[in-house]
Structure formats: structure tokens, C-alpha cells
PDB file of N, CA and C in Angstrom:
ATOM      1  N   MET A   1      -4.729   1.740  28.733  1.00  0.00           N
ATOM      2  CA  MET A   1      -3.508   1.956  27.983  1.00  0.00           C
ATOM      3  C   MET A   1      -3.752   1.602  26.519  1.00  0.00           C
ATOM      4  N   ASN A   2      -3.214   2.372  25.607  1.00  0.00           N
ATOM      5  CA  ASN A   2      -3.348   2.122  24.176  1.00  0.00           C
ATOM      6  C   ASN A   2      -2.303   1.102  23.743  1.00  0.00           C
ATOM      7  N   LYS A   3      -2.795  -0.069  23.363  1.00  0.00           N
ATOM      8  CA  LYS A   3      -1.901  -1.149  22.963  1.00  0.00           C
ATOM      9  C   LYS A   3      -1.420  -0.934  21.526  1.00  0.00           C
ATOM     10  N   ILE A   4      -0.151  -1.230  21.299  1.00  0.00           N
ATOM     11  CA  ILE A   4       0.433  -1.214  19.964  1.00  0.00           C
ATOM     12  C   ILE A   4       0.865  -2.633  19.634  1.00  0.00           C
ATOM     13  N   THR A   5       0.387  -3.140  18.502  1.00  0.00           N
ATOM     14  CA  THR A   5       0.756  -4.485  18.038  1.00  0.00           C
ATOM     15  C   THR A   5       1.594  -4.331  16.781  1.00  0.00           C
ATOM     16  N   ARG A   6       2.726  -5.015  16.746  1.00  0.00           N
ATOM     17  CA  ARG A   6       3.609  -4.991  15.584  1.00  0.00           C
ATOM     18  C   ARG A   6       3.690  -6.401  15.014  1.00  0.00           C
ATOM     19  N   ILE A   7       3.491  -6.517  13.701  1.00  0.00           N
ATOM     20  CA  ILE A   7       3.481  -7.808  13.030  1.00  0.00           C
ATOM     21  C   ILE A   7       4.522  -7.796  11.920  1.00  0.00           C
ATOM     22  N   LYS A   8       5.226  -8.926  11.790  1.00  0.00           N
ATOM     23  CA  LYS A   8       6.305  -9.045  10.794  1.00  0.00           C
ATOM     24  C   LYS A   8       7.335  -7.946  11.012  1.00  0.00           C
ATOM     25  N   THR A   9       7.880  -7.953  12.235  1.00  0.00           N
ATOM     26  CA  THR A   9       8.808  -6.926  12.661  1.00  0.00           C
ATOM     27  C   THR A   9      10.243  -7.358  12.410  1.00  0.00           C
ATOM     28  N   GLY A  10      11.010  -6.456  11.823  1.00  0.00           N
ATOM     29  CA  GLY A  10      12.434  -6.670  11.619  1.00  0.00           C
ATOM     30  C   GLY A  10      13.207  -5.576  12.324  1.00  0.00           C
ATOM     31  N   ASN A  11      14.499  -5.515  12.054  1.00  0.00           N
ATOM     32  CA  ASN A  11      15.343  -4.493  12.696  1.00  0.00           C
ATOM     33  C   ASN A  11      14.956  -3.086  12.268  1.00  0.00           C
ATOM     34  N   ARG A  12      14.539  -2.941  11.001  1.00  0.00           N
ATOM     35  CA  ARG A  12      14.297  -1.614  10.436  1.00  0.00           C
ATOM     36  C   ARG A  12      12.837  -1.192  10.517  1.00  0.00           C
ATOM     37  N   MET A  13      11.926  -2.143  10.356  1.00  0.00           N
ATOM     38  CA  MET A  13      10.504  -1.767  10.296  1.00  0.00           C
ATOM     39  C   MET A  13       9.617  -2.974  10.541  1.00  0.00           C
ATOM     40  N   SER A  14       8.359  -2.674  10.785  1.00  0.00           N
ATOM     41  CA  SER A  14       7.311  -3.686  10.862  1.00  0.00           C
ATOM     42  C   SER A  14       6.457  -3.551   9.612  1.00  0.00           C
ATOM     43  N   GLN A  15       5.987  -4.660   9.076  1.00  0.00           N
ATOM     44  CA  GLN A  15       5.095  -4.609   7.920  1.00  0.00           C
ATOM     45  C   GLN A  15       3.718  -4.094   8.311  1.00  0.00           C
ATOM     46  N   ILE A  16       3.307  -4.410   9.560  1.00  0.00           N
ATOM     47  CA  ILE A  16       1.991  -3.999  10.066  1.00  0.00           C
ATOM     48  C   ILE A  16       2.166  -3.452  11.478  1.00  0.00           C
ATOM     49  N   VAL A  17       1.564  -2.293  11.736  1.00  0.00           N
ATOM     50  CA  VAL A  17       1.478  -1.770  13.104  1.00  0.00           C
ATOM     51  C   VAL A  17       0.011  -1.437  13.341  1.00  0.00           C
ATOM     52  N   ILE A  18      -0.522  -1.934  14.456  1.00  0.00           N
ATOM     53  CA  ILE A  18      -1.912  -1.663  14.818  1.00  0.00           C
ATOM     54  C   ILE A  18      -1.915  -0.878  16.127  1.00  0.00           C
ATOM     55  N   HIS A  19      -2.585   0.260  16.097  1.00  0.00           N
ATOM     56  CA  HIS A  19      -2.738   1.088  17.292  1.00  0.00           C
ATOM     57  C   HIS A  19      -4.210   1.452  17.407  1.00  0.00           C
ATOM     58  N   ASN A  20      -4.803   1.118  18.538  1.00  0.00           N
ATOM     59  CA  ASN A  20      -6.244   1.269  18.719  1.00  0.00           C
ATOM     60  C   ASN A  20      -6.950   0.544  17.575  1.00  0.00           C
ATOM     61  N   ASP A  21      -7.759   1.201  16.794  1.00  0.00           N
ATOM     62  CA  ASP A  21      -8.480   0.551  15.692  1.00  0.00           C
ATOM     63  C   ASP A  21      -7.920   0.933  14.332  1.00  0.00           C
ATOM     64  N   THR A  22      -6.642   1.343  14.306  1.00  0.00           N
ATOM     65  CA  THR A  22      -6.036   1.788  13.064  1.00  0.00           C
ATOM     66  C   THR A  22      -4.851   0.892  12.699  1.00  0.00           C
ATOM     67  N   ILE A  23      -4.782   0.544  11.417  1.00  0.00           N
ATOM     68  CA  ILE A  23      -3.714  -0.299  10.880  1.00  0.00           C
ATOM     69  C   ILE A  23      -2.827   0.571   9.990  1.00  0.00           C
ATOM     70  N   TYR A  24      -1.539   0.483  10.223  1.00  0.00           N
ATOM     71  CA  TYR A  24      -0.551   1.188   9.404  1.00  0.00           C
ATOM     72  C   TYR A  24       0.299   0.136   8.708  1.00  0.00           C
ATOM     73  N   LEU A  25       0.387   0.198   7.384  1.00  0.00           N
ATOM     74  CA  LEU A  25       1.222  -0.738   6.648  1.00  0.00           C
ATOM     75  C   LEU A  25       2.495  -0.046   6.181  1.00  0.00           C
ATOM     76  N   ALA A  26       3.581  -0.806   6.158  1.00  0.00           N
ATOM     77  CA  ALA A  26       4.814  -0.321   5.542  1.00  0.00           C
ATOM     78  C   ALA A  26       4.580  -0.181   4.046  1.00  0.00           C
ATOM     79  N   GLY A  27       5.397   0.606   3.395  1.00  0.00           N
ATOM     80  CA  GLY A  27       5.284   0.752   1.955  1.00  0.00           C
ATOM     81  C   GLY A  27       5.508  -0.580   1.256  1.00  0.00           C
ATOM     82  N   GLN A  28       4.656  -0.872   0.279  1.00  0.00           N
ATOM     83  CA  GLN A  28       4.736  -2.129  -0.466  1.00  0.00           C
ATOM     84  C   GLN A  28       5.210  -1.849  -1.880  1.00  0.00           C
ATOM     85  N   VAL A  29       6.127  -2.679  -2.343  1.00  0.00           N
ATOM     86  CA  VAL A  29       6.667  -2.546  -3.692  1.00  0.00           C
ATOM     87  C   VAL A  29       6.443  -3.850  -4.458  1.00  0.00           C
ATOM     88  N   GLY A  30       6.596  -3.759  -5.774  1.00  0.00           N
ATOM     89  CA  GLY A  30       6.443  -4.933  -6.623  1.00  0.00           C
ATOM     90  C   GLY A  30       7.767  -5.637  -6.845  1.00  0.00           C
ATOM     91  N   ASN A  31       7.809  -6.481  -7.851  1.00  0.00           N
ATOM     92  CA  ASN A  31       9.023  -7.223  -8.177  1.00  0.00           C
ATOM     93  C   ASN A  31       9.952  -6.347  -9.011  1.00  0.00           C
ATOM     94  N   PRO A  32      11.215  -6.227  -8.584  1.00  0.00           N
ATOM     95  CA  PRO A  32      12.166  -5.400  -9.326  1.00  0.00           C
ATOM     96  C   PRO A  32      12.230  -5.824 -10.800  1.00  0.00           C
ATOM     97  N   GLY A  33      12.237  -4.836 -11.659  1.00  0.00           N
ATOM     98  CA  GLY A  33      12.347  -5.117 -13.085  1.00  0.00           C
ATOM     99  C   GLY A  33      11.029  -5.236 -13.815  1.00  0.00           C
ATOM    100  N   ASP A  34       9.927  -5.541 -13.096  1.00  0.00           N
ATOM    101  CA  ASP A  34       8.608  -5.574 -13.734  1.00  0.00           C
ATOM    102  C   ASP A  34       8.210  -4.151 -14.124  1.00  0.00           C
ATOM    103  N   GLY A  35       7.273  -4.025 -15.062  1.00  0.00           N
ATOM    104  CA  GLY A  35       6.733  -2.727 -15.426  1.00  0.00           C
ATOM    105  C   GLY A  35       5.792  -2.204 -14.357  1.00  0.00           C
ATOM    106  N   VAL A  36       5.369  -0.965 -14.509  1.00  0.00           N
ATOM    107  CA  VAL A  36       4.534  -0.327 -13.492  1.00  0.00           C
ATOM    108  C   VAL A  36       3.194  -1.040 -13.313  1.00  0.00           C
ATOM    109  N   THR A  37       2.613  -1.570 -14.387  1.00  0.00           N
ATOM    110  CA  THR A  37       1.331  -2.269 -14.269  1.00  0.00           C
ATOM    111  C   THR A  37       1.472  -3.499 -13.380  1.00  0.00           C
ATOM    112  N   GLU A  38       2.458  -4.324 -13.658  1.00  0.00           N
ATOM    113  CA  GLU A  38       2.663  -5.538 -12.853  1.00  0.00           C
ATOM    114  C   GLU A  38       3.083  -5.199 -11.437  1.00  0.00           C
ATOM    115  N   GLN A  39       3.947  -4.202 -11.281  1.00  0.00           N
ATOM    116  CA  GLN A  39       4.359  -3.818  -9.928  1.00  0.00           C
ATOM    117  C   GLN A  39       3.183  -3.293  -9.115  1.00  0.00           C
ATOM    118  N   THR A  40       2.301  -2.537  -9.742  1.00  0.00           N
ATOM    119  CA  THR A  40       1.130  -2.037  -9.025  1.00  0.00           C
ATOM    120  C   THR A  40       0.242  -3.195  -8.592  1.00  0.00           C
ATOM    121  N   LYS A  41       0.014  -4.152  -9.472  1.00  0.00           N
ATOM    122  CA  LYS A  41      -0.781  -5.340  -9.111  1.00  0.00           C
ATOM    123  C   LYS A  41      -0.159  -6.060  -7.922  1.00  0.00           C
ATOM    124  N   THR A  42       1.155  -6.238  -7.956  1.00  0.00           N
ATOM    125  CA  THR A  42       1.841  -6.924  -6.861  1.00  0.00           C
ATOM    126  C   THR A  42       1.731  -6.137  -5.567  1.00  0.00           C
ATOM    127  N   CYS A  43       1.928  -4.824  -5.629  1.00  0.00           N
ATOM    128  CA  CYS A  43       1.788  -3.979  -4.434  1.00  0.00           C
ATOM    129  C   CYS A  43       0.410  -4.156  -3.800  1.00  0.00           C
ATOM    130  N   LEU A  44      -0.614  -4.095  -4.620  1.00  0.00           N
ATOM    131  CA  LEU A  44      -1.983  -4.162  -4.105  1.00  0.00           C
ATOM    132  C   LEU A  44      -2.320  -5.558  -3.582  1.00  0.00           C
ATOM    133  N   GLU A  45      -1.765  -6.597  -4.187  1.00  0.00           N
ATOM    134  CA  GLU A  45      -1.933  -7.954  -3.647  1.00  0.00           C
ATOM    135  C   GLU A  45      -1.300  -8.047  -2.266  1.00  0.00           C
ATOM    136  N   LYS A  46      -0.119  -7.467  -2.096  1.00  0.00           N
ATOM    137  CA  LYS A  46       0.557  -7.465  -0.795  1.00  0.00           C
ATOM    138  C   LYS A  46      -0.246  -6.674   0.235  1.00  0.00           C
ATOM    139  N   VAL A  47      -0.756  -5.509  -0.164  1.00  0.00           N
ATOM    140  CA  VAL A  47      -1.574  -4.692   0.731  1.00  0.00           C
ATOM    141  C   VAL A  47      -2.778  -5.498   1.196  1.00  0.00           C
ATOM    142  N   GLU A  48      -3.458  -6.128   0.264  1.00  0.00           N
ATOM    143  CA  GLU A  48      -4.656  -6.898   0.603  1.00  0.00           C
ATOM    144  C   GLU A  48      -4.319  -8.039   1.567  1.00  0.00           C
ATOM    145  N   ALA A  49      -3.220  -8.751   1.319  1.00  0.00           N
ATOM    146  CA  ALA A  49      -2.826  -9.860   2.194  1.00  0.00           C
ATOM    147  C   ALA A  49      -2.482  -9.360   3.595  1.00  0.00           C
ATOM    148  N   LEU A  50      -1.759  -8.252   3.689  1.00  0.00           N
ATOM    149  CA  LEU A  50      -1.409  -7.706   5.000  1.00  0.00           C
ATOM    150  C   LEU A  50      -2.640  -7.215   5.748  1.00  0.00           C
ATOM    151  N   LEU A  51      -3.562  -6.563   5.054  1.00  0.00           N
ATOM    152  CA  LEU A  51      -4.798  -6.120   5.712  1.00  0.00           C
ATOM    153  C   LEU A  51      -5.590  -7.310   6.230  1.00  0.00           C
ATOM    154  N   ASN A  52      -5.670  -8.367   5.444  1.00  0.00           N
ATOM    155  CA  ASN A  52      -6.367  -9.580   5.901  1.00  0.00           C
ATOM    156  C   ASN A  52      -5.691 -10.154   7.140  1.00  0.00           C
ATOM    157  N   GLU A  53      -4.362 -10.190   7.128  1.00  0.00           N
ATOM    158  CA  GLU A  53      -3.623 -10.699   8.283  1.00  0.00           C
ATOM    159  C   GLU A  53      -3.868  -9.850   9.527  1.00  0.00           C
ATOM    160  N   ALA A  54      -4.047  -8.554   9.323  1.00  0.00           N
ATOM    161  CA  ALA A  54      -4.274  -7.631  10.444  1.00  0.00           C
ATOM    162  C   ALA A  54      -5.723  -7.646  10.936  1.00  0.00           C
ATOM    163  N   GLY A  55      -6.622  -8.286  10.176  1.00  0.00           N
ATOM    164  CA  GLY A  55      -8.026  -8.338  10.585  1.00  0.00           C
ATOM    165  C   GLY A  55      -8.887  -7.300   9.903  1.00  0.00           C
ATOM    166  N   SER A  56      -8.552  -6.950   8.667  1.00  0.00           N
ATOM    167  CA  SER A  56      -9.316  -5.960   7.931  1.00  0.00           C
ATOM    168  C   SER A  56      -9.345  -6.338   6.454  1.00  0.00           C
ATOM    169  N   ASP A  57      -9.742  -5.393   5.610  1.00  0.00           N
ATOM    170  CA  ASP A  57      -9.726  -5.627   4.164  1.00  0.00           C
ATOM    171  C   ASP A  57      -9.654  -4.279   3.436  1.00  0.00           C
ATOM    172  N   LYS A  58      -9.560  -4.343   2.124  1.00  0.00           N
ATOM    173  CA  LYS A  58      -9.347  -3.128   1.334  1.00  0.00           C
ATOM    174  C   LYS A  58     -10.508  -2.131   1.401  1.00  0.00           C
ATOM    175  N   THR A  59     -11.696  -2.586   1.783  1.00  0.00           N
ATOM    176  CA  THR A  59     -12.832  -1.663   1.895  1.00  0.00           C
ATOM    177  C   THR A  59     -12.706  -0.753   3.123  1.00  0.00           C
ATOM    178  N   ARG A  60     -11.729  -1.050   3.983  1.00  0.00           N
ATOM    179  CA  ARG A  60     -11.538  -0.282   5.218  1.00  0.00           C
ATOM    180  C   ARG A  60     -10.340   0.667   5.130  1.00  0.00           C
ATOM    181  N   ILE A  61      -9.758   0.806   3.924  1.00  0.00           N
ATOM    182  CA  ILE A  61      -8.618   1.710   3.760  1.00  0.00           C
ATOM    183  C   ILE A  61      -9.093   3.148   3.959  1.00  0.00           C
ATOM    184  N   LEU A  62      -8.396   3.863   4.819  1.00  0.00           N
ATOM    185  CA  LEU A  62      -8.718   5.262   5.113  1.00  0.00           C
ATOM    186  C   LEU A  62      -7.909   6.208   4.238  1.00  0.00           C
ATOM    187  N   GLN A  63      -6.629   5.870   4.050  1.00  0.00           N
ATOM    188  CA  GLN A  63      -5.732   6.745   3.311  1.00  0.00           C
ATOM    189  C   GLN A  63      -4.674   5.918   2.610  1.00  0.00           C
ATOM    190  N   SER A  64      -4.298   6.352   1.428  1.00  0.00           N
ATOM    191  CA  SER A  64      -3.212   5.718   0.691  1.00  0.00           C
ATOM    192  C   SER A  64      -2.305   6.793   0.110  1.00  0.00           C
ATOM    193  N   THR A  65      -1.013   6.532   0.205  1.00  0.00           N
ATOM    194  CA  THR A  65      -0.012   7.367  -0.441  1.00  0.00           C
ATOM    195  C   THR A  65       0.700   6.493  -1.464  1.00  0.00           C
ATOM    196  N   ILE A  66       0.778   6.974  -2.689  1.00  0.00           N
ATOM    197  CA  ILE A  66       1.402   6.212  -3.766  1.00  0.00           C
ATOM    198  C   ILE A  66       2.549   7.028  -4.322  1.00  0.00           C
ATOM    199  N   TRP A  67       3.718   6.395  -4.391  1.00  0.00           N
ATOM    200  CA  TRP A  67       4.898   7.018  -4.976  1.00  0.00           C
ATOM    201  C   TRP A  67       5.205   6.329  -6.293  1.00  0.00           C
ATOM    202  N   LEU A  68       5.375   7.108  -7.329  1.00  0.00           N
ATOM    203  CA  LEU A  68       5.791   6.605  -8.638  1.00  0.00           C
ATOM    204  C   LEU A  68       7.187   7.132  -8.926  1.00  0.00           C
ATOM    205  N   ASP A  69       8.000   6.327  -9.607  1.00  0.00           N
ATOM    206  CA  ASP A  69       9.316   6.844  -9.976  1.00  0.00           C
ATOM    207  C   ASP A  69       9.228   7.784 -11.172  1.00  0.00           C
ATOM    208  N   ASN A  70       8.068   7.755 -11.855  1.00  0.00           N
ATOM    209  CA  ASN A  70       7.863   8.623 -13.014  1.00  0.00           C
ATOM    210  C   ASN A  70       6.367   8.909 -13.151  1.00  0.00           C
ATOM    211  N   MET A  71       5.979  10.163 -13.039  1.00  0.00           N
ATOM    212  CA  MET A  71       4.556  10.512 -13.119  1.00  0.00           C
ATOM    213  C   MET A  71       3.945  10.201 -14.488  1.00  0.00           C
ATOM    214  N   ALA A  72       4.764   9.917 -15.467  1.00  0.00           N
ATOM    215  CA  ALA A  72       4.241   9.498 -16.774  1.00  0.00           C
ATOM    216  C   ALA A  72       3.497   8.166 -16.657  1.00  0.00           C
ATOM    217  N   ASP A  73       3.744   7.417 -15.565  1.00  0.00           N
ATOM    218  CA  ASP A  73       3.073   6.128 -15.335  1.00  0.00           C
ATOM    219  C   ASP A  73       1.780   6.265 -14.536  1.00  0.00           C
ATOM    220  N   PHE A  74       1.367   7.498 -14.254  1.00  0.00           N
ATOM    221  CA  PHE A  74       0.167   7.746 -13.442  1.00  0.00           C
ATOM    222  C   PHE A  74      -1.061   7.042 -14.024  1.00  0.00           C
ATOM    223  N   GLY A  75      -1.271   7.130 -15.314  1.00  0.00           N
ATOM    224  CA  GLY A  75      -2.432   6.513 -15.950  1.00  0.00           C
ATOM    225  C   GLY A  75      -2.416   4.994 -15.845  1.00  0.00           C
ATOM    226  N   LYS A  76      -1.259   4.389 -16.081  1.00  0.00           N
ATOM    227  CA  LYS A  76      -1.145   2.918 -15.991  1.00  0.00           C
ATOM    228  C   LYS A  76      -1.400   2.440 -14.565  1.00  0.00           C
ATOM    229  N   MET A  77      -0.819   3.153 -13.581  1.00  0.00           N
ATOM    230  CA  MET A  77      -1.046   2.784 -12.188  1.00  0.00           C
ATOM    231  C   MET A  77      -2.520   2.924 -11.843  1.00  0.00           C
ATOM    232  N   ASN A  78      -3.151   4.024 -12.285  1.00  0.00           N
ATOM    233  CA  ASN A  78      -4.566   4.254 -11.976  1.00  0.00           C
ATOM    234  C   ASN A  78      -5.481   3.198 -12.598  1.00  0.00           C
ATOM    235  N   GLU A  79      -5.140   2.680 -13.766  1.00  0.00           N
ATOM    236  CA  GLU A  79      -5.940   1.601 -14.367  1.00  0.00           C
ATOM    237  C   GLU A  79      -6.013   0.405 -13.434  1.00  0.00           C
ATOM    238  N   VAL A  80      -4.871   0.037 -12.846  1.00  0.00           N
ATOM    239  CA  VAL A  80      -4.832  -1.095 -11.912  1.00  0.00           C
ATOM    240  C   VAL A  80      -5.570  -0.741 -10.628  1.00  0.00           C
ATOM    241  N   TRP A  81      -5.302   0.441 -10.092  1.00  0.00           N
ATOM    242  CA  TRP A  81      -5.956   0.889  -8.847  1.00  0.00           C
ATOM    243  C   TRP A  81      -7.471   0.889  -9.012  1.00  0.00           C
ATOM    244  N   ASP A  82      -7.953   1.500 -10.108  1.00  0.00           N
ATOM    245  CA  ASP A  82      -9.394   1.646 -10.325  1.00  0.00           C
ATOM    246  C   ASP A  82     -10.089   0.284 -10.445  1.00  0.00           C
ATOM    247  N   ALA A  83      -9.419  -0.695 -11.026  1.00  0.00           N
ATOM    248  CA  ALA A  83      -9.989  -2.046 -11.144  1.00  0.00           C
ATOM    249  C   ALA A  83      -9.968  -2.770  -9.797  1.00  0.00           C
ATOM    250  N   TRP A  84      -9.042  -2.390  -8.916  1.00  0.00           N
ATOM    251  CA  TRP A  84      -8.859  -3.078  -7.634  1.00  0.00           C
ATOM    252  C   TRP A  84      -9.750  -2.521  -6.529  1.00  0.00           C
ATOM    253  N   ILE A  85      -9.897  -1.213  -6.467  1.00  0.00           N
ATOM    254  CA  ILE A  85     -10.631  -0.596  -5.353  1.00  0.00           C
ATOM    255  C   ILE A  85     -12.120  -0.903  -5.482  1.00  0.00           C
ATOM    256  N   THR A  86     -12.756  -1.215  -4.374  1.00  0.00           N
ATOM    257  CA  THR A  86     -14.180  -1.507  -4.354  1.00  0.00           C
ATOM    258  C   THR A  86     -14.961  -0.200  -4.526  1.00  0.00           C
ATOM    259  N   PRO A  87     -15.859  -0.124  -5.522  1.00  0.00           N
ATOM    260  CA  PRO A  87     -16.627   1.111  -5.733  1.00  0.00           C
ATOM    261  C   PRO A  87     -17.304   1.574  -4.440  1.00  0.00           C
ATOM    262  N   GLY A  88     -17.230   2.865  -4.206  1.00  0.00           N
ATOM    263  CA  GLY A  88     -17.857   3.448  -3.017  1.00  0.00           C
ATOM    264  C   GLY A  88     -16.982   3.415  -1.778  1.00  0.00           C
ATOM    265  N   THR A  89     -15.772   2.826  -1.867  1.00  0.00           N
ATOM    266  CA  THR A  89     -14.891   2.755  -0.693  1.00  0.00           C
ATOM    267  C   THR A  89     -13.549   3.438  -0.932  1.00  0.00           C
ATOM    268  N   SER A  90     -13.496   4.333  -1.891  1.00  0.00           N
ATOM    269  CA  SER A  90     -12.232   4.997  -2.213  1.00  0.00           C
ATOM    270  C   SER A  90     -11.707   5.767  -1.006  1.00  0.00           C
ATOM    271  N   PRO A  91     -10.434   5.573  -0.660  1.00  0.00           N
ATOM    272  CA  PRO A  91      -9.862   6.294   0.473  1.00  0.00           C
ATOM    273  C   PRO A  91      -9.389   7.683   0.072  1.00  0.00           C
ATOM    274  N   ALA A  92      -9.011   8.463   1.055  1.00  0.00           N
ATOM    275  CA  ALA A  92      -8.253   9.671   0.775  1.00  0.00           C
ATOM    276  C   ALA A  92      -6.938   9.192   0.172  1.00  0.00           C
ATOM    277  N   ARG A  93      -6.444   9.908  -0.862  1.00  0.00           N
ATOM    278  CA  ARG A  93      -5.268   9.387  -1.560  1.00  0.00           C
ATOM    279  C   ARG A  93      -4.398  10.521  -2.066  1.00  0.00           C
ATOM    280  N   ALA A  94      -3.107  10.288  -2.025  1.00  0.00           N
ATOM    281  CA  ALA A  94      -2.135  11.201  -2.618  1.00  0.00           C
ATOM    282  C   ALA A  94      -1.199  10.383  -3.488  1.00  0.00           C
ATOM    283  N   CYS A  95      -0.704  10.991  -4.554  1.00  0.00           N
ATOM    284  CA  CYS A  95       0.239  10.327  -5.440  1.00  0.00           C
ATOM    285  C   CYS A  95       1.283  11.347  -5.873  1.00  0.00           C
ATOM    286  N   GLY A  96       2.541  10.949  -5.793  1.00  0.00           N
ATOM    287  CA  GLY A  96       3.609  11.844  -6.192  1.00  0.00           C
ATOM    288  C   GLY A  96       4.760  11.080  -6.813  1.00  0.00           C
ATOM    289  N   GLU A  97       5.710  11.825  -7.286  1.00  0.00           N
ATOM    290  CA  GLU A  97       6.900  11.237  -7.902  1.00  0.00           C
ATOM    291  C   GLU A  97       8.057  11.327  -6.922  1.00  0.00           C
ATOM    292  N   ALA A  98       8.814  10.217  -6.827  1.00  0.00           N
ATOM    293  CA  ALA A  98       9.952  10.187  -5.908  1.00  0.00           C
ATOM    294  C   ALA A  98      10.970   9.154  -6.377  1.00  0.00           C
ATOM    295  N   LYS A  99      12.209   9.340  -5.966  1.00  0.00           N
ATOM    296  CA  LYS A  99      13.203   8.294  -6.163  1.00  0.00           C
ATOM    297  C   LYS A  99      12.887   7.207  -5.138  1.00  0.00           C
ATOM    298  N   LEU A 100      12.739   5.975  -5.616  1.00  0.00           N
ATOM    299  CA  LEU A 100      12.427   4.865  -4.717  1.00  0.00           C
ATOM    300  C   LEU A 100      13.731   4.178  -4.302  1.00  0.00           C
ATOM    301  N   ALA A 101      13.630   3.159  -3.459  1.00  0.00           N
ATOM    302  CA  ALA A 101      14.804   2.514  -2.873  1.00  0.00           C
ATOM    303  C   ALA A 101      15.758   1.936  -3.916  1.00  0.00           C
ATOM    304  N   SER A 102      15.228   1.554  -5.060  1.00  0.00           N
ATOM    305  CA  SER A 102      16.034   1.016  -6.154  1.00  0.00           C
ATOM    306  C   SER A 102      15.461   1.537  -7.464  1.00  0.00           C
ATOM    307  N   THR A 103      16.310   1.720  -8.446  1.00  0.00           N
ATOM    308  CA  THR A 103      15.828   2.185  -9.749  1.00  0.00           C
ATOM    309  C   THR A 103      14.952   1.143 -10.433  1.00  0.00           C
ATOM    310  N   GLU A 104      14.953  -0.094  -9.930  1.00  0.00           N
ATOM    311  CA  GLU A 104      14.116  -1.150 -10.503  1.00  0.00           C
ATOM    312  C   GLU A 104      12.667  -1.068 -10.017  1.00  0.00           C
ATOM    313  N   TYR A 105      12.428  -0.283  -8.965  1.00  0.00           N
ATOM    314  CA  TYR A 105      11.061  -0.118  -8.465  1.00  0.00           C
ATOM    315  C   TYR A 105      10.393   1.034  -9.187  1.00  0.00           C
ATOM    316  N   LYS A 106       9.137   0.816  -9.594  1.00  0.00           N
ATOM    317  CA  LYS A 106       8.365   1.824 -10.318  1.00  0.00           C
ATOM    318  C   LYS A 106       7.286   2.464  -9.455  1.00  0.00           C
ATOM    319  N   VAL A 107       6.841   1.740  -8.406  1.00  0.00           N
ATOM    320  CA  VAL A 107       5.715   2.212  -7.592  1.00  0.00           C
ATOM    321  C   VAL A 107       5.856   1.671  -6.170  1.00  0.00           C
ATOM    322  N   GLU A 108       5.397   2.475  -5.210  1.00  0.00           N
ATOM    323  CA  GLU A 108       5.317   2.052  -3.812  1.00  0.00           C
ATOM    324  C   GLU A 108       3.975   2.537  -3.270  1.00  0.00           C
ATOM    325  N   VAL A 109       3.287   1.647  -2.541  1.00  0.00           N
ATOM    326  CA  VAL A 109       1.959   1.962  -2.009  1.00  0.00           C
ATOM    327  C   VAL A 109       2.008   1.866  -0.477  1.00  0.00           C
ATOM    328  N   ILE A 110       1.540   2.922   0.178  1.00  0.00           N
ATOM    329  CA  ILE A 110       1.490   2.996   1.642  1.00  0.00           C
ATOM    330  C   ILE A 110       0.031   3.174   2.041  1.00  0.00           C
ATOM    331  N   VAL A 111      -0.412   2.417   3.042  1.00  0.00           N
ATOM    332  CA  VAL A 111      -1.834   2.391   3.392  1.00  0.00           C
ATOM    333  C   VAL A 111      -2.044   2.528   4.894  1.00  0.00           C
ATOM    334  N   VAL A 112      -3.070   3.263   5.262  1.00  0.00           N
ATOM    335  CA  VAL A 112      -3.602   3.315   6.623  1.00  0.00           C
ATOM    336  C   VAL A 112      -5.062   2.853   6.515  1.00  0.00           C
ATOM    337  N   ALA A 113      -5.445   1.928   7.400  1.00  0.00           N
ATOM    338  CA  ALA A 113      -6.799   1.358   7.322  1.00  0.00           C
ATOM    339  C   ALA A 113      -7.380   1.191   8.724  1.00  0.00           C
ATOM    340  N   ALA A 114      -8.681   0.979   8.763  1.00  0.00           N
ATOM    341  CA  ALA A 114      -9.397   0.726  10.012  1.00  0.00           C
ATOM    342  C   ALA A 114      -9.565  -0.775  10.201  1.00  0.00           C
ATOM    343  N   LEU A 115      -9.508  -1.201  11.443  1.00  0.00           N
ATOM    344  CA  LEU A 115      -9.845  -2.592  11.759  1.00  0.00           C
ATOM    345  C   LEU A 115     -11.322  -2.831  11.493  1.00  0.00           C
ATOM    346  N   LYS A 116     -11.684  -4.069  11.284  1.00  0.00           N
ATOM    347  CA  LYS A 116     -13.112  -4.401  11.126  1.00  0.00           C
ATOM    348  C   LYS A 116     -13.789  -4.340  12.471  1.00  0.00           C
TER     349      LYS A 116
END
């Protein structure tokens, strides 16, 4: 039987879901009101902490989806991403513009990763 593990589960969602050897993270956002650079840093810190808790790390990310509230911030977000991602381990990635849960959010990062 394929076991599903849910970590940090609430009524609406789990922060981490593990199925077989794959980790699915809920979308991570930064601190409301911060600029896109700081919010991106916060998102990626949260992603890294959740992956560690799940038994993996950022070098095992398979796919990432990034939502920006304004594509004009694409360059600023990429500066943070490029400094954070380990060279040679870049995942498949998509980035688009969307209305986020609050107008104070500038970026949301969603990740699928492999267990170690």
C-alpha cells in the first residue's frame, strides 16, 4: 500500500505531504508588507526548513512553481532564487503572475521534491 504522510496539518491544508518518495509542499509566502526581495528570501527559508523536516533538502527539488503579484518583480525574485539554488540542481520551474491571497503578498513558492 502507498503510504501518505501529512505533516503540519490543519483544517484547510498540510504544509508537507509525502507520498512514496515524493514531497509536496504547500505554497510558501513571505511577511506581509515586505518587498519582493525579502519575501522571496523568507519563502525560500521556509521551503528549506520544511524540506529538512520532511527528510530532504533543496538539492532534491524536482519542480517549483512561483507566483508573483507583478511580473515586473521577476528580476528581483530571480536574483534571490539564483543565489539560493545550488548550482547544477536547478529544478523544472514555472513562474507566472497571479492575484495572491492578500495584496500584501508579492510572491508565493510551491515545491515538489524527492526524499533523500
